[in-house]
Amino acid sequence: SFAFDWCLFDWADPPTFGEDGRPPAPSGTVQCGPFQVKPTSGKLEPDEDVQVEVTFEAQGDEDYDSKIAIWVDGVQGDGISNAGQTAATFQSDASATQSLAGTSTYLLTGQSC
């Protein structure tokens, strides 16, 4: 076992990854549509876990779906690394976001009434 760094970001608005393949750690909370997520980053030691809090801010009578991405240092991922790419690049090619090395994507769903 070993310690590893992790961070969360909005799948629809990914950060610019550094040349080292790491995204910058967001501060405070991540806003992902009507969802607010915290904590946003950290370092986990062996056998340690972290609880992530998701707050849904309902607006009107609607269903909401947003994707959150979790990056974990040292995880290979399914595709190529897009180091140095910008959010605009990813938004113009959504499939590129799915292939960020070390990331997994999760769906957040909420319904307001």
N, C-alpha and C. Protein backbone atom coordinates (compact mmCIF):
# COMPACT_ATOMS: atom_id res chain seq x y z
N SER A 1 0.83 -1.18 0.00
CA SER A 1 0.00 0.00 0.00
C SER A 1 0.87 1.25 0.00
N PHE A 2 0.29 2.32 -0.50
CA PHE A 2 1.02 3.58 -0.61
C PHE A 2 0.04 4.73 -0.57
N ALA A 3 0.51 5.91 -0.21
CA ALA A 3 -0.32 7.11 -0.20
C ALA A 3 -0.47 7.62 -1.63
N PHE A 4 -1.59 8.31 -1.91
CA PHE A 4 -1.77 8.89 -3.24
C PHE A 4 -2.57 10.19 -3.14
N ASP A 5 -2.33 11.08 -4.10
CA ASP A 5 -3.07 12.34 -4.22
C ASP A 5 -4.31 12.10 -5.06
N TRP A 6 -5.36 12.91 -4.82
CA TRP A 6 -6.58 12.82 -5.59
C TRP A 6 -7.20 14.21 -5.68
N CYS A 7 -8.06 14.42 -6.70
CA CYS A 7 -8.85 15.65 -6.78
C CYS A 7 -10.09 15.41 -7.64
N LEU A 8 -11.07 16.27 -7.44
CA LEU A 8 -12.34 16.23 -8.17
C LEU A 8 -12.43 17.44 -9.08
N PHE A 9 -13.14 17.28 -10.21
CA PHE A 9 -13.44 18.44 -11.05
C PHE A 9 -14.70 18.17 -11.85
N ASP A 10 -15.28 19.25 -12.36
CA ASP A 10 -16.49 19.17 -13.19
C ASP A 10 -16.10 18.59 -14.54
N TRP A 11 -16.69 17.47 -14.91
CA TRP A 11 -16.39 16.79 -16.17
C TRP A 11 -16.62 17.71 -17.37
N ALA A 12 -17.62 18.60 -17.28
CA ALA A 12 -17.94 19.50 -18.39
C ALA A 12 -16.97 20.69 -18.48
N ASP A 13 -16.16 20.89 -17.44
CA ASP A 13 -15.24 22.02 -17.42
C ASP A 13 -13.92 21.59 -16.77
N PRO A 14 -13.20 20.67 -17.41
CA PRO A 14 -11.97 20.15 -16.81
C PRO A 14 -10.88 21.21 -16.74
N PRO A 15 -9.99 21.10 -15.75
CA PRO A 15 -8.88 22.04 -15.65
C PRO A 15 -7.81 21.73 -16.68
N THR A 16 -6.85 22.62 -16.80
CA THR A 16 -5.69 22.36 -17.62
C THR A 16 -4.73 21.47 -16.83
N PHE A 17 -4.42 20.31 -17.36
CA PHE A 17 -3.48 19.41 -16.70
C PHE A 17 -2.07 19.89 -16.97
N GLY A 18 -1.20 19.76 -15.97
CA GLY A 18 0.19 20.16 -16.13
C GLY A 18 0.96 19.19 -16.99
N GLU A 19 2.16 19.55 -17.34
CA GLU A 19 3.03 18.67 -18.13
C GLU A 19 3.34 17.37 -17.39
N ASP A 20 3.21 17.41 -16.06
CA ASP A 20 3.45 16.21 -15.25
C ASP A 20 2.23 15.29 -15.22
N GLY A 21 1.15 15.68 -15.93
CA GLY A 21 -0.06 14.87 -15.99
C GLY A 21 -1.01 15.08 -14.84
N ARG A 22 -0.72 16.05 -13.97
CA ARG A 22 -1.56 16.33 -12.81
C ARG A 22 -2.45 17.55 -13.06
N PRO A 23 -3.69 17.49 -12.62
CA PRO A 23 -4.53 18.69 -12.66
C PRO A 23 -4.21 19.55 -11.44
N PRO A 24 -4.46 20.86 -11.51
CA PRO A 24 -4.29 21.67 -10.30
C PRO A 24 -5.40 21.30 -9.30
N ALA A 25 -5.07 21.28 -8.03
CA ALA A 25 -6.06 20.95 -7.01
C ALA A 25 -7.01 22.13 -6.83
N PRO A 26 -8.31 21.91 -7.02
CA PRO A 26 -9.27 23.01 -6.81
C PRO A 26 -9.34 23.35 -5.33
N SER A 27 -9.70 24.58 -5.03
CA SER A 27 -9.81 24.99 -3.63
C SER A 27 -11.28 25.06 -3.22
N GLY A 28 -11.57 24.78 -1.98
CA GLY A 28 -12.92 24.91 -1.46
C GLY A 28 -13.88 23.85 -1.96
N THR A 29 -14.73 24.25 -2.90
CA THR A 29 -15.74 23.35 -3.44
C THR A 29 -15.67 23.33 -4.96
N VAL A 30 -16.25 22.30 -5.56
CA VAL A 30 -16.41 22.22 -7.00
C VAL A 30 -17.89 22.37 -7.29
N GLN A 31 -18.24 23.31 -8.16
CA GLN A 31 -19.62 23.49 -8.60
C GLN A 31 -19.80 22.72 -9.88
N CYS A 32 -20.75 21.81 -9.89
CA CYS A 32 -21.01 20.95 -11.04
C CYS A 32 -22.51 21.00 -11.32
N GLY A 33 -22.92 21.95 -12.18
CA GLY A 33 -24.35 22.18 -12.37
C GLY A 33 -24.94 22.64 -11.05
N PRO A 34 -26.08 22.06 -10.63
CA PRO A 34 -26.69 22.46 -9.36
C PRO A 34 -26.09 21.73 -8.15
N PHE A 35 -24.99 21.01 -8.35
CA PHE A 35 -24.36 20.24 -7.28
C PHE A 35 -23.08 20.93 -6.82
N GLN A 36 -22.88 20.96 -5.51
CA GLN A 36 -21.66 21.49 -4.93
C GLN A 36 -20.98 20.34 -4.19
N VAL A 37 -19.69 20.12 -4.47
CA VAL A 37 -18.98 18.96 -3.95
C VAL A 37 -17.78 19.43 -3.13
N LYS A 38 -17.60 18.81 -1.95
CA LYS A 38 -16.42 19.08 -1.13
C LYS A 38 -16.14 17.88 -0.24
N PRO A 39 -14.92 17.63 0.17
CA PRO A 39 -13.70 18.33 -0.23
C PRO A 39 -13.37 18.03 -1.69
N THR A 40 -12.45 18.79 -2.23
CA THR A 40 -12.13 18.67 -3.65
C THR A 40 -10.80 18.00 -3.94
N SER A 41 -9.98 17.85 -2.94
CA SER A 41 -8.68 17.21 -3.17
C SER A 41 -8.06 16.81 -1.85
N GLY A 42 -7.01 16.01 -1.96
CA GLY A 42 -6.30 15.61 -0.75
C GLY A 42 -5.29 14.53 -1.04
N LYS A 43 -4.76 13.98 0.05
CA LYS A 43 -3.81 12.87 -0.03
C LYS A 43 -4.36 11.80 0.91
N LEU A 44 -4.50 10.59 0.39
CA LEU A 44 -4.97 9.47 1.19
C LEU A 44 -3.80 8.56 1.54
N GLU A 45 -3.69 8.25 2.81
CA GLU A 45 -2.69 7.32 3.29
C GLU A 45 -3.25 5.90 3.19
N PRO A 46 -2.40 4.89 3.27
CA PRO A 46 -2.90 3.50 3.21
C PRO A 46 -4.00 3.26 4.26
N ASP A 47 -5.04 2.56 3.86
CA ASP A 47 -6.18 2.21 4.71
C ASP A 47 -6.98 3.42 5.20
N GLU A 48 -6.79 4.58 4.60
CA GLU A 48 -7.54 5.77 4.95
C GLU A 48 -8.65 5.97 3.92
N ASP A 49 -9.75 6.59 4.34
CA ASP A 49 -10.81 6.94 3.40
C ASP A 49 -11.23 8.38 3.65
N VAL A 50 -12.00 8.91 2.72
CA VAL A 50 -12.50 10.27 2.85
C VAL A 50 -13.96 10.29 2.44
N GLN A 51 -14.76 11.03 3.17
CA GLN A 51 -16.17 11.18 2.83
C GLN A 51 -16.33 12.46 2.02
N VAL A 52 -16.98 12.34 0.87
CA VAL A 52 -17.22 13.48 -0.01
C VAL A 52 -18.68 13.88 0.14
N GLU A 53 -18.90 15.17 0.39
CA GLU A 53 -20.26 15.70 0.58
C GLU A 53 -20.74 16.35 -0.71
N VAL A 54 -21.93 15.97 -1.16
CA VAL A 54 -22.54 16.56 -2.35
C VAL A 54 -23.82 17.24 -1.92
N THR A 55 -23.93 18.54 -2.22
CA THR A 55 -25.13 19.31 -1.90
C THR A 55 -25.85 19.65 -3.20
N PHE A 56 -27.14 19.35 -3.24
CA PHE A 56 -27.97 19.63 -4.42
C PHE A 56 -28.76 20.89 -4.15
N GLU A 57 -28.59 21.89 -5.00
CA GLU A 57 -29.30 23.16 -4.88
C GLU A 57 -30.43 23.18 -5.91
N ALA A 58 -31.62 22.75 -5.47
CA ALA A 58 -32.78 22.62 -6.36
C ALA A 58 -33.20 23.98 -6.92
N GLN A 59 -33.59 23.97 -8.20
CA GLN A 59 -34.07 25.17 -8.87
C GLN A 59 -35.23 24.78 -9.76
N GLY A 60 -36.45 25.13 -9.37
CA GLY A 60 -37.61 24.81 -10.20
C GLY A 60 -37.96 23.33 -10.12
N ASP A 61 -38.90 22.92 -10.95
CA ASP A 61 -39.37 21.54 -11.00
C ASP A 61 -38.68 20.84 -12.16
N GLU A 62 -37.47 20.30 -11.90
CA GLU A 62 -36.67 19.71 -12.98
C GLU A 62 -35.85 18.54 -12.48
N ASP A 63 -35.38 17.74 -13.44
CA ASP A 63 -34.40 16.68 -13.18
C ASP A 63 -33.04 17.20 -13.64
N TYR A 64 -32.01 16.86 -12.88
CA TYR A 64 -30.66 17.33 -13.21
C TYR A 64 -29.69 16.16 -13.23
N ASP A 65 -28.80 16.16 -14.19
CA ASP A 65 -27.71 15.20 -14.28
C ASP A 65 -26.43 16.00 -14.55
N SER A 66 -25.41 15.73 -13.78
CA SER A 66 -24.09 16.33 -14.00
C SER A 66 -23.05 15.26 -13.73
N LYS A 67 -21.92 15.39 -14.41
CA LYS A 67 -20.84 14.42 -14.22
C LYS A 67 -19.70 15.06 -13.45
N ILE A 68 -19.17 14.30 -12.51
CA ILE A 68 -18.01 14.72 -11.75
C ILE A 68 -16.87 13.75 -12.08
N ALA A 69 -15.68 14.27 -12.24
CA ALA A 69 -14.52 13.43 -12.53
C ALA A 69 -13.62 13.39 -11.31
N ILE A 70 -13.09 12.22 -11.03
CA ILE A 70 -12.15 12.04 -9.93
C ILE A 70 -10.82 11.59 -10.52
N TRP A 71 -9.77 12.37 -10.25
CA TRP A 71 -8.42 12.04 -10.69
C TRP A 71 -7.66 11.42 -9.52
N VAL A 72 -6.97 10.32 -9.76
CA VAL A 72 -6.17 9.66 -8.74
C VAL A 72 -4.75 9.48 -9.29
N ASP A 73 -3.77 9.98 -8.54
CA ASP A 73 -2.37 9.88 -8.95
C ASP A 73 -1.94 8.42 -9.01
N GLY A 74 -1.26 8.06 -10.09
CA GLY A 74 -0.74 6.71 -10.23
C GLY A 74 -1.67 5.74 -10.91
N VAL A 75 -2.88 6.18 -11.26
CA VAL A 75 -3.82 5.32 -11.96
C VAL A 75 -3.63 5.53 -13.45
N GLN A 76 -3.45 4.45 -14.18
CA GLN A 76 -3.16 4.52 -15.61
C GLN A 76 -4.29 5.15 -16.42
N GLY A 77 -5.53 4.76 -16.16
CA GLY A 77 -6.64 5.24 -16.97
C GLY A 77 -6.78 4.42 -18.24
N ASP A 78 -7.84 4.67 -18.99
CA ASP A 78 -8.13 3.89 -20.17
C ASP A 78 -7.55 4.45 -21.46
N GLY A 79 -7.14 5.71 -21.44
CA GLY A 79 -6.73 6.30 -22.70
C GLY A 79 -5.45 7.10 -22.57
N ILE A 80 -5.29 8.02 -23.49
CA ILE A 80 -4.08 8.82 -23.54
C ILE A 80 -4.15 9.95 -22.51
N SER A 81 -3.02 10.46 -22.12
CA SER A 81 -2.97 11.62 -21.24
C SER A 81 -3.09 12.87 -22.10
N ASN A 82 -3.87 13.82 -21.64
CA ASN A 82 -4.04 15.07 -22.37
C ASN A 82 -3.36 16.22 -21.64
N ALA A 83 -2.15 16.03 -21.17
CA ALA A 83 -1.42 17.05 -20.43
C ALA A 83 -1.30 18.32 -21.25
N GLY A 84 -1.52 19.44 -20.59
CA GLY A 84 -1.37 20.73 -21.25
C GLY A 84 -2.59 21.17 -22.04
N GLN A 85 -3.62 20.34 -22.13
CA GLN A 85 -4.83 20.71 -22.86
C GLN A 85 -5.66 21.67 -22.02
N THR A 86 -6.51 22.45 -22.66
CA THR A 86 -7.35 23.40 -21.94
C THR A 86 -8.79 22.91 -21.92
N ALA A 87 -9.60 23.53 -21.06
CA ALA A 87 -11.01 23.17 -20.97
C ALA A 87 -11.71 23.36 -22.31
N ALA A 88 -11.36 24.44 -23.03
CA ALA A 88 -12.01 24.69 -24.31
C ALA A 88 -11.76 23.53 -25.28
N THR A 89 -10.57 22.99 -25.26
CA THR A 89 -10.26 21.85 -26.12
C THR A 89 -11.15 20.67 -25.78
N PHE A 90 -11.32 20.40 -24.49
CA PHE A 90 -12.13 19.26 -24.06
C PHE A 90 -13.60 19.47 -24.40
N GLN A 91 -14.10 20.69 -24.29
CA GLN A 91 -15.50 20.93 -24.60
C GLN A 91 -15.77 20.77 -26.09
N SER A 92 -14.79 21.03 -26.92
CA SER A 92 -15.00 20.86 -28.35
C SER A 92 -14.85 19.40 -28.76
N ASP A 93 -14.26 18.58 -27.88
CA ASP A 93 -14.10 17.16 -28.16
C ASP A 93 -14.37 16.40 -26.87
N ALA A 94 -15.64 16.16 -26.56
CA ALA A 94 -16.04 15.56 -25.30
C ALA A 94 -15.40 14.20 -25.06
N SER A 95 -15.10 13.46 -26.11
CA SER A 95 -14.49 12.15 -25.93
C SER A 95 -13.10 12.26 -25.33
N ALA A 96 -12.43 13.40 -25.52
CA ALA A 96 -11.09 13.56 -24.95
C ALA A 96 -11.14 13.57 -23.44
N THR A 97 -12.20 14.13 -22.85
CA THR A 97 -12.31 14.19 -21.40
C THR A 97 -12.38 12.79 -20.82
N GLN A 98 -13.04 11.88 -21.49
CA GLN A 98 -13.18 10.53 -20.98
C GLN A 98 -11.85 9.78 -20.98
N SER A 99 -10.86 10.28 -21.68
CA SER A 99 -9.60 9.55 -21.76
C SER A 99 -8.49 10.20 -20.96
N LEU A 100 -8.83 11.10 -20.02
CA LEU A 100 -7.80 11.70 -19.17
C LEU A 100 -7.21 10.63 -18.27
N ALA A 101 -5.91 10.49 -18.30
CA ALA A 101 -5.25 9.46 -17.50
C ALA A 101 -5.55 9.66 -16.02
N GLY A 102 -5.89 8.59 -15.35
CA GLY A 102 -6.11 8.62 -13.92
C GLY A 102 -7.46 9.11 -13.48
N THR A 103 -8.40 9.29 -14.41
CA THR A 103 -9.72 9.81 -14.01
C THR A 103 -10.81 8.76 -14.16
N SER A 104 -11.81 8.89 -13.30
CA SER A 104 -13.05 8.12 -13.40
C SER A 104 -14.18 9.14 -13.34
N THR A 105 -15.26 8.86 -14.05
CA THR A 105 -16.39 9.78 -14.12
C THR A 105 -17.59 9.16 -13.44
N TYR A 106 -18.31 10.00 -12.66
CA TYR A 106 -19.50 9.55 -11.95
C TYR A 106 -20.64 10.50 -12.23
N LEU A 107 -21.85 9.97 -12.30
CA LEU A 107 -23.04 10.76 -12.59
C LEU A 107 -23.71 11.19 -11.29
N LEU A 108 -23.96 12.48 -11.16
CA LEU A 108 -24.74 13.03 -10.05
C LEU A 108 -26.13 13.31 -10.58
N THR A 109 -27.15 12.84 -9.90
CA THR A 109 -28.53 13.01 -10.34
C THR A 109 -29.36 13.60 -9.22
N GLY A 110 -30.21 14.57 -9.55
CA GLY A 110 -31.09 15.17 -8.56
C GLY A 110 -32.40 15.58 -9.21
N GLN A 111 -33.45 15.64 -8.40
CA GLN A 111 -34.77 16.04 -8.89
C GLN A 111 -35.35 17.04 -7.91
N SER A 112 -35.79 18.19 -8.43
CA SER A 112 -36.44 19.17 -7.58
C SER A 112 -37.93 19.19 -7.92
N CYS A 113 -38.73 19.46 -6.93
CA CYS A 113 -40.17 19.53 -7.17
C CYS A 113 -40.83 20.56 -6.29
